[in-house]
């Protein structure tokens, strides 16, 4: 009898040991499955439904590739490119193809590569189905690539020809090749003396934070944590910039001052100007109208920046009536532009205004509030801009 009880206890112990091992294995499998599900994704590819492009077409993937390309070089200044010297070979991000989808759900977009003023090749930008890896490359040369080059060439206009809005991407529809995988990378990487960002995940591009495949984003998506934080909409938007500036007499001189708040001092930083004429003081800057994701590329507005903090300021001095008229015209033009964090942001407006005041603003790369601060120069001196004062209704 005692022997039977002993045997039963041994069997029970072995059964419990087996059960615990089974539970442990299942827990490990569950943890591994959860870890597989937690994949760092690009947040820019969560943006969907953006209709602020020519022809009211969604160009969210095209805009995301463009922004990530430029952000990479801002985060890696040692690999810096002179984006503004258009006499050199460059990618013209003013144009982009439709999205091609491979058999494995990889999404690809084509951009024209320009040499000597002509479309000589195409650049392929691709993102994986999970939105966790992107690549930029020159494709394997074949008839499909030649056809794409020809199609871009039909549409391409030199940079001297202004498009409706420099931040918009003009869609170029490429006839879809009769195959399941499009514009493949060459077996051996081809790089004709033109650097491209490396293939990699969101960590390489400092744009992690997305959490779902296929780009199913919405207004609840938090903003990305990249170096250039897209600015929020302003607290004091200007409904009509023409009316806001109407107190200024365009036949008289005025005083121009420029301000910059560095990105490090208060992300995302800001750049803006003030125009003073008699008792009128107009302090204003350029902003996105909406929050993320439309503050990457979306509707724009000007805002009353009276009382805005700054780290750098520069009193440009007296500007002539002609210069005043040109700066007002620039503001009117920007009021119809799309806000784009890479192409038409607060620094771009500020630098354009300064150029009409006779200031050399020959900067390279993407302009940021730091660009304006560096142009002003000197050590940071914290201050607050004067309040706006208008003497007319």
Protein backbone atom coordinates (compact mmCIF):
# COMPACT_ATOMS: atom_id res chain seq x y z
CA UNK A 1 0.00 0.00 0.00
CA UNK A 2 2.77 2.43 0.96
CA UNK A 3 4.54 1.60 -2.30
CA UNK A 4 1.39 2.50 -4.30
CA UNK A 5 1.08 5.83 -2.49
CA UNK A 6 4.74 6.55 -3.17
CA UNK A 7 4.32 5.72 -6.86
CA UNK A 8 1.21 7.92 -7.03
CA UNK A 9 3.10 10.86 -5.48
CA UNK A 10 5.92 10.44 -7.99
CA UNK A 11 3.45 10.37 -10.89
CA UNK A 12 1.66 13.45 -9.52
CA UNK A 13 4.96 15.30 -9.15
CA UNK A 14 5.99 14.47 -12.70
CA UNK A 15 2.58 15.58 -13.97
CA UNK A 16 2.85 18.91 -12.14
CA UNK A 17 6.39 19.39 -13.41
CA UNK A 18 5.24 18.72 -16.98
CA UNK A 19 2.31 21.13 -16.57
CA UNK A 20 4.56 23.91 -15.29
CA UNK A 21 6.98 23.35 -18.16
CA UNK A 22 4.11 23.50 -20.65
CA UNK A 23 2.79 26.73 -19.12
CA UNK A 24 6.29 28.23 -19.19
CA UNK A 25 6.72 27.33 -22.85
CA UNK A 26 3.37 28.84 -23.70
CA UNK A 27 4.27 32.02 -21.81
CA UNK A 28 7.58 32.24 -23.66
CA UNK A 29 5.81 31.70 -26.98
CA UNK A 30 3.32 34.41 -26.04
CA UNK A 31 6.09 36.84 -25.08
CA UNK A 32 7.94 36.10 -28.32
CA UNK A 33 4.75 36.63 -30.31
CA UNK A 34 4.15 39.94 -28.55
CA UNK A 35 7.73 41.01 -29.23
CA UNK A 36 7.24 40.18 -32.89
CA UNK A 37 4.12 42.32 -32.95
CA UNK A 38 5.92 45.31 -31.40
CA UNK A 39 7.79 46.52 -34.45
CA UNK A 40 9.12 50.05 -34.61
CA UNK A 41 7.44 51.74 -37.55
CA UNK A 42 7.83 55.01 -39.42
CA UNK A 43 5.32 57.47 -38.14
CA UNK A 44 5.17 59.54 -41.31
CA UNK A 45 3.62 56.60 -43.14
CA UNK A 46 0.69 56.64 -40.74
CA UNK A 47 -0.52 59.82 -42.44
CA UNK A 48 -3.42 59.15 -44.80
CA UNK A 49 -6.08 61.06 -46.63
CA UNK A 50 -4.09 64.24 -47.22
CA UNK A 51 -5.88 66.03 -50.04
CA UNK A 52 -3.79 69.19 -50.01
CA UNK A 53 -2.04 68.32 -53.25
CA UNK A 54 -2.56 69.24 -56.85
CA UNK A 55 -5.69 67.63 -58.22
CA UNK A 56 -6.90 66.77 -54.69
CA UNK A 57 -5.13 63.40 -54.83
CA UNK A 58 -3.75 61.68 -51.78
CA UNK A 59 0.04 61.92 -51.91
CA UNK A 60 0.82 60.87 -48.34
CA UNK A 61 3.46 58.27 -49.24
CA UNK A 62 5.11 60.65 -51.68
CA UNK A 63 5.29 63.38 -49.04
CA UNK A 64 6.58 60.99 -46.38
CA UNK A 65 9.47 59.80 -48.58
CA UNK A 66 10.38 63.39 -49.43
CA UNK A 67 10.36 64.50 -45.78
CA UNK A 68 12.39 61.50 -44.59
CA UNK A 69 14.99 62.05 -47.32
CA UNK A 70 15.62 65.61 -46.18
CA UNK A 71 15.35 64.82 -42.46
CA UNK A 72 18.09 62.23 -42.79
CA UNK A 73 20.56 64.86 -43.99
CA UNK A 74 19.51 67.33 -41.32
CA UNK A 75 20.22 64.68 -38.68
CA UNK A 76 23.52 63.80 -40.41
CA UNK A 77 25.16 67.13 -41.32
CA UNK A 78 28.47 65.37 -42.01
CA UNK A 79 26.74 63.84 -45.04
CA UNK A 80 25.26 67.17 -46.01
CA UNK A 81 24.12 67.91 -49.56
CA UNK A 82 23.73 71.31 -51.18
CA UNK A 83 20.04 71.00 -52.00
CA UNK A 84 19.81 74.51 -53.39
CA UNK A 85 22.51 74.27 -56.04
CA UNK A 86 20.24 73.00 -58.80
CA UNK A 87 23.05 73.12 -61.34
CA UNK A 88 24.27 69.89 -59.74
CA UNK A 89 22.57 66.49 -60.17
CA UNK A 90 19.60 66.28 -57.82
CA UNK A 91 16.25 64.65 -57.13
CA UNK A 92 13.34 66.93 -58.03
CA UNK A 93 10.77 66.19 -55.35
CA UNK A 94 8.28 68.55 -57.00
CA UNK A 95 7.21 65.54 -59.05
CA UNK A 96 6.31 61.99 -58.06
CA UNK A 97 4.65 58.96 -59.58
CA UNK A 98 1.68 57.10 -58.25
CA UNK A 99 2.33 54.35 -55.69
CA UNK A 100 3.30 50.96 -57.12
CA UNK A 101 2.57 47.92 -54.92
CA UNK A 102 4.71 44.80 -55.27
CA UNK A 103 3.62 41.23 -54.77
CA UNK A 104 4.84 41.34 -51.16
CA UNK A 105 2.93 44.63 -50.55
CA UNK A 106 6.08 46.77 -50.68
CA UNK A 107 5.05 50.25 -51.80
CA UNK A 108 7.21 52.20 -54.25
CA UNK A 109 7.23 55.76 -55.58
CA UNK A 110 9.34 57.17 -58.42
CA UNK A 111 10.98 60.61 -58.49
CA UNK A 112 12.87 62.22 -61.39
CA UNK A 113 16.65 62.50 -61.16
CA UNK A 114 17.89 65.66 -62.87
CA UNK A 115 21.26 66.23 -64.56
CA UNK A 116 22.09 69.30 -66.68
CA UNK A 117 18.46 70.37 -66.61
CA UNK A 118 17.07 67.08 -67.94
CA UNK A 119 15.52 63.93 -66.47
CA UNK A 120 18.35 61.42 -66.80
CA UNK A 121 17.16 58.70 -64.43
CA UNK A 122 14.65 57.92 -61.71
CA UNK A 123 15.01 57.33 -58.01
CA UNK A 124 12.89 54.64 -56.39
CA UNK A 125 11.71 55.11 -52.81
CA UNK A 126 10.24 52.00 -51.22
CA UNK A 127 8.67 51.12 -47.89
CA UNK A 128 7.86 47.68 -46.57
CA UNK A 129 4.32 46.46 -45.98
CA UNK A 130 4.80 46.94 -42.23
CA UNK A 131 6.06 50.53 -42.64
CA UNK A 132 9.24 49.56 -40.79
CA UNK A 133 11.93 49.83 -43.47
CA UNK A 134 12.59 52.19 -46.37
CA UNK A 135 15.09 52.37 -49.22
CA UNK A 136 16.17 54.90 -51.84
CA UNK A 137 17.94 53.55 -54.92
CA UNK A 138 18.61 53.85 -58.64
CA UNK A 139 16.71 50.94 -60.25
CA UNK A 140 17.92 48.26 -62.62
CA UNK A 141 17.82 49.80 -66.09
CA UNK A 142 15.17 48.31 -68.38
CA UNK A 143 12.38 49.41 -70.73
CA UNK A 144 10.07 50.24 -67.81
CA UNK A 145 12.64 52.63 -66.38
CA UNK A 146 13.14 54.23 -69.80
CA UNK A 147 9.38 54.70 -70.13
CA UNK A 148 9.21 56.30 -66.67
CA UNK A 149 12.05 58.68 -67.57
CA UNK A 150 10.21 59.63 -70.76
CA UNK A 151 6.98 60.26 -68.86
CA UNK A 152 8.70 62.51 -66.30
CA UNK A 153 10.46 64.33 -69.14
CA UNK A 154 7.11 65.20 -70.71
CA UNK A 155 5.95 66.86 -67.48
CA UNK A 156 9.20 68.27 -66.12
CA UNK A 157 9.74 71.99 -66.00
CA UNK A 158 13.00 73.58 -64.93
CA UNK A 159 13.23 75.07 -61.40
CA UNK A 160 13.05 78.53 -62.96
CA UNK A 161 9.42 77.81 -63.77
CA UNK A 162 7.41 78.27 -60.60
CA UNK A 163 4.72 75.75 -59.83
CA UNK A 164 1.48 76.87 -58.20
CA UNK A 165 2.87 76.09 -54.76
CA UNK A 166 6.47 74.96 -54.09
CA UNK A 167 5.33 72.59 -51.34
CA UNK A 168 2.92 70.66 -53.52
CA UNK A 169 3.95 67.52 -55.33
CA UNK A 170 2.76 67.32 -58.91
CA UNK A 171 1.57 63.77 -59.65
CA UNK A 172 2.96 62.12 -62.77
CA UNK A 173 1.05 58.99 -63.78
CA UNK A 174 3.37 56.30 -65.10
CA UNK A 175 1.83 53.47 -67.17
CA UNK A 176 1.88 50.42 -64.91
CA UNK A 177 4.28 47.74 -66.17
CA UNK A 178 2.70 44.28 -66.71
CA UNK A 179 4.50 42.61 -63.81
CA UNK A 180 4.09 41.95 -60.11
CA UNK A 181 7.30 43.51 -58.86
CA UNK A 182 8.23 46.97 -60.07
CA UNK A 183 11.48 48.88 -60.57
CA UNK A 184 13.81 46.46 -58.82
CA UNK A 185 17.08 47.41 -57.21
CA UNK A 186 20.15 46.27 -59.18
CA UNK A 187 22.01 43.18 -58.03
CA UNK A 188 25.02 45.38 -57.39
CA UNK A 189 24.16 48.82 -55.95
CA UNK A 190 24.45 51.55 -58.57
CA UNK A 191 25.41 55.02 -57.40
CA UNK A 192 26.60 57.44 -60.10
CA UNK A 193 28.50 59.67 -57.71
CA UNK A 194 25.29 60.77 -56.03
CA UNK A 195 24.79 59.86 -52.35
CA UNK A 196 21.49 58.49 -51.14
CA UNK A 197 20.26 57.86 -47.59
CA UNK A 198 20.88 54.29 -46.41
CA UNK A 199 18.25 51.59 -46.35
CA UNK A 200 17.01 51.12 -42.82
CA UNK A 201 14.37 51.37 -40.18
CA UNK A 202 12.84 54.32 -38.42
CA UNK A 203 15.79 54.57 -36.02
CA UNK A 204 18.11 55.45 -38.90
CA UNK A 205 15.78 58.29 -39.85
CA UNK A 206 14.86 59.30 -36.30
CA UNK A 207 11.16 58.91 -37.07
CA UNK A 208 9.94 56.01 -34.92
CA UNK A 209 6.57 55.90 -33.29
CA UNK A 210 4.12 54.44 -35.77
CA UNK A 211 2.17 51.41 -34.64
CA UNK A 212 0.32 49.74 -37.44
CA UNK A 213 0.78 48.43 -40.94
CA UNK A 214 -0.66 49.93 -44.07
CA UNK A 215 -0.84 53.53 -42.97
CA UNK A 216 -4.13 53.51 -41.08
CA UNK A 217 -3.48 56.76 -39.26
CA UNK A 218 -5.76 59.42 -37.90
CA UNK A 219 -5.89 62.55 -35.82
CA UNK A 220 -5.08 60.59 -32.67
CA UNK A 221 -1.55 59.79 -33.84
CA UNK A 222 1.02 61.56 -31.66
CA UNK A 223 3.63 63.64 -33.49
CA UNK A 224 6.95 62.01 -34.39
CA UNK A 225 10.03 62.47 -32.26
CA UNK A 226 12.47 63.43 -35.00
CA UNK A 227 14.94 66.31 -34.79
CA UNK A 228 12.62 68.68 -36.64
CA UNK A 229 9.41 68.61 -34.67
CA UNK A 230 6.51 69.79 -36.84
CA UNK A 231 5.15 72.94 -35.18
CA UNK A 232 1.65 73.09 -33.73
CA UNK A 233 -0.94 75.49 -35.13
CA UNK A 234 -0.58 79.04 -33.76
CA UNK A 235 -2.42 80.47 -30.79
CA UNK A 236 -3.24 83.72 -32.62
CA UNK A 237 -3.87 82.93 -36.30
CA UNK A 238 -4.41 85.79 -38.73
CA UNK A 239 -7.59 85.29 -40.71
CA UNK A 240 -6.60 87.67 -43.51
CA UNK A 241 -2.94 88.66 -43.91
CA UNK A 242 -3.84 91.36 -46.46
CA UNK A 243 -6.11 93.06 -43.94
CA UNK A 244 -3.56 92.54 -41.16
CA UNK A 245 -0.92 94.46 -43.14
CA UNK A 246 -3.31 97.05 -44.57
CA UNK A 247 -2.35 99.69 -41.97
CA UNK A 248 1.06 100.00 -43.62
CA UNK A 249 1.46 102.78 -46.18
CA UNK A 250 3.21 101.14 -49.13
CA UNK A 251 4.42 104.52 -50.37
CA UNK A 252 6.49 105.14 -47.26
CA UNK A 253 9.58 103.50 -45.78
CA UNK A 254 9.41 101.22 -42.74
CA UNK A 255 11.65 99.40 -40.28
CA UNK A 256 12.27 95.65 -40.54
CA UNK A 257 13.40 93.36 -37.74
CA UNK A 258 13.93 89.59 -37.75
CA UNK A 259 13.63 87.14 -34.85
CA UNK A 260 14.59 83.52 -34.33
CA UNK A 261 13.99 81.05 -31.54
CA UNK A 262 16.39 78.12 -31.87
CA UNK A 263 15.08 74.59 -32.06
CA UNK A 264 17.11 73.56 -29.01
CA UNK A 265 15.82 76.36 -26.81
CA UNK A 266 12.16 75.53 -27.33
CA UNK A 267 11.33 72.81 -29.87
CA UNK A 268 10.39 73.21 -32.65
CA UNK A 269 11.72 76.78 -32.63
CA UNK A 270 10.39 79.61 -34.79
CA UNK A 271 11.42 82.46 -37.10
CA UNK A 272 9.37 85.58 -37.78
CA UNK A 273 9.59 89.29 -38.61
CA UNK A 274 8.24 92.63 -37.51
CA UNK A 275 7.51 95.68 -39.65
CA UNK A 276 7.24 99.05 -37.91
CA UNK A 277 5.92 102.22 -39.50
CA UNK A 278 4.96 105.08 -37.21
CA UNK A 279 2.71 103.67 -34.48
CA UNK A 280 2.00 100.52 -36.48
CA UNK A 281 3.92 97.41 -35.42
CA UNK A 282 3.14 94.20 -37.31
CA UNK A 283 4.76 91.10 -35.78
CA UNK A 284 3.96 87.94 -37.72
CA UNK A 285 5.18 84.56 -38.92
CA UNK A 286 4.19 81.57 -41.04
CA UNK A 287 2.58 78.42 -39.54
CA UNK A 288 0.60 75.27 -40.32
CA UNK A 289 -3.14 75.68 -39.80
CA UNK A 290 -3.60 72.22 -38.30
CA UNK A 291 -1.82 69.78 -36.03
CA UNK A 292 -0.21 66.45 -36.85
CA UNK A 293 -0.14 65.01 -39.44
CA UNK A 294 -1.15 68.04 -41.52
CA UNK A 295 1.58 70.16 -39.96
CA UNK A 296 4.03 68.10 -42.02
CA UNK A 297 2.28 69.08 -45.24
CA UNK A 298 -1.08 70.82 -45.18
CA UNK A 299 -2.93 74.12 -45.05
CA UNK A 300 -1.07 77.18 -43.83
CA UNK A 301 -1.76 80.41 -41.99
CA UNK A 302 0.03 83.47 -40.71
CA UNK A 303 -0.11 84.34 -37.03
CA UNK A 304 0.29 87.37 -34.81
CA UNK A 305 3.65 86.75 -33.12
CA UNK A 306 3.51 89.76 -30.83
CA UNK A 307 5.04 88.73 -27.50
CA UNK A 308 6.70 85.61 -28.96
CA UNK A 309 9.96 84.57 -27.28
CA UNK A 310 13.22 84.65 -29.24
CA UNK A 311 16.87 83.78 -28.75
CA UNK A 312 18.25 85.89 -31.61
CA UNK A 313 17.12 89.18 -33.14
CA UNK A 314 18.44 91.57 -35.75
CA UNK A 315 17.28 95.06 -36.50
CA UNK A 316 17.67 95.20 -40.28
CA UNK A 317 16.85 98.90 -40.28
CA UNK A 318 14.99 101.05 -42.76
CA UNK A 319 13.53 99.45 -45.87
CA UNK A 320 12.38 101.45 -48.88
CA UNK A 321 8.76 101.66 -50.08
CA UNK A 322 9.66 99.26 -52.91
CA UNK A 323 11.15 96.73 -50.48
CA UNK A 324 8.10 97.07 -48.24
CA UNK A 325 5.82 96.37 -51.19
CA UNK A 326 7.86 93.29 -52.10
CA UNK A 327 7.75 91.89 -48.57
CA UNK A 328 3.99 92.43 -48.39
CA UNK A 329 3.66 90.68 -51.77
CA UNK A 330 5.68 87.74 -50.42
CA UNK A 331 3.30 87.47 -47.45
CA UNK A 332 0.31 87.52 -49.81
CA UNK A 333 1.89 84.76 -51.90
CA UNK A 334 2.71 82.59 -48.88
CA UNK A 335 -0.88 82.89 -47.66
CA UNK A 336 -1.89 80.69 -50.61
CA UNK A 337 0.95 78.19 -50.10
CA UNK A 338 0.76 74.81 -48.48
CA UNK A 339 2.74 74.63 -45.24
CA UNK A 340 5.49 72.06 -45.65
CA UNK A 341 7.94 71.43 -42.83
CA UNK A 342 10.75 70.88 -45.36
CA UNK A 343 10.02 73.39 -48.13
CA UNK A 344 7.72 76.21 -47.05
CA UNK A 345 8.06 76.71 -43.32
CA UNK A 346 8.47 79.73 -41.04
CA UNK A 347 12.19 80.02 -41.83
CA UNK A 348 11.57 79.94 -45.58
CA UNK A 349 9.14 82.83 -45.32
CA UNK A 350 11.47 84.81 -43.06
CA UNK A 351 14.49 84.31 -45.32
CA UNK A 352 12.49 85.22 -48.41
CA UNK A 353 11.38 88.46 -46.75
CA UNK A 354 14.98 89.23 -45.78
CA UNK A 355 16.19 88.65 -49.33
CA UNK A 356 13.87 91.40 -50.55
CA UNK A 357 15.35 93.67 -47.91
CA UNK A 358 18.76 93.20 -49.52
CA UNK A 359 20.09 90.57 -47.10
CA UNK A 360 22.12 87.72 -48.61
CA UNK A 361 20.36 84.51 -47.60
CA UNK A 362 22.29 82.06 -49.75
CA UNK A 363 21.78 79.07 -47.45
CA UNK A 364 22.16 75.40 -48.33
CA UNK A 365 19.90 72.54 -47.43
CA UNK A 366 16.58 72.77 -45.62
CA UNK A 367 15.91 76.01 -43.82
CA UNK A 368 14.97 75.86 -40.15
CA UNK A 369 14.73 78.41 -37.32
CA UNK A 370 18.39 77.57 -36.64
CA UNK A 371 19.23 78.72 -40.17
CA UNK A 372 17.82 82.15 -39.36
CA UNK A 373 19.55 82.20 -35.95
CA UNK A 374 22.88 81.38 -37.61
CA UNK A 375 22.31 84.12 -40.17
CA UNK A 376 21.72 86.61 -37.36
CA UNK A 377 24.80 85.30 -35.55
CA UNK A 378 26.11 86.11 -32.12
CA UNK A 379 25.37 84.48 -28.80
CA UNK A 380 21.77 83.77 -27.80
CA UNK A 381 20.08 86.69 -26.08
CA UNK A 382 16.67 85.72 -24.83
CA UNK A 383 13.92 88.24 -25.28
CA UNK A 384 10.30 88.80 -26.21
CA UNK A 385 9.06 90.42 -29.40
CA UNK A 386 6.98 93.60 -29.08
CA UNK A 387 3.22 93.43 -29.18
CA UNK A 388 1.48 94.00 -32.48
CA UNK A 389 -0.17 97.41 -32.72
CA UNK A 390 -2.47 98.32 -35.61
CA UNK A 391 -3.90 101.84 -35.95
CA UNK A 392 -6.57 100.92 -38.50
CA UNK A 393 -9.53 98.57 -38.61
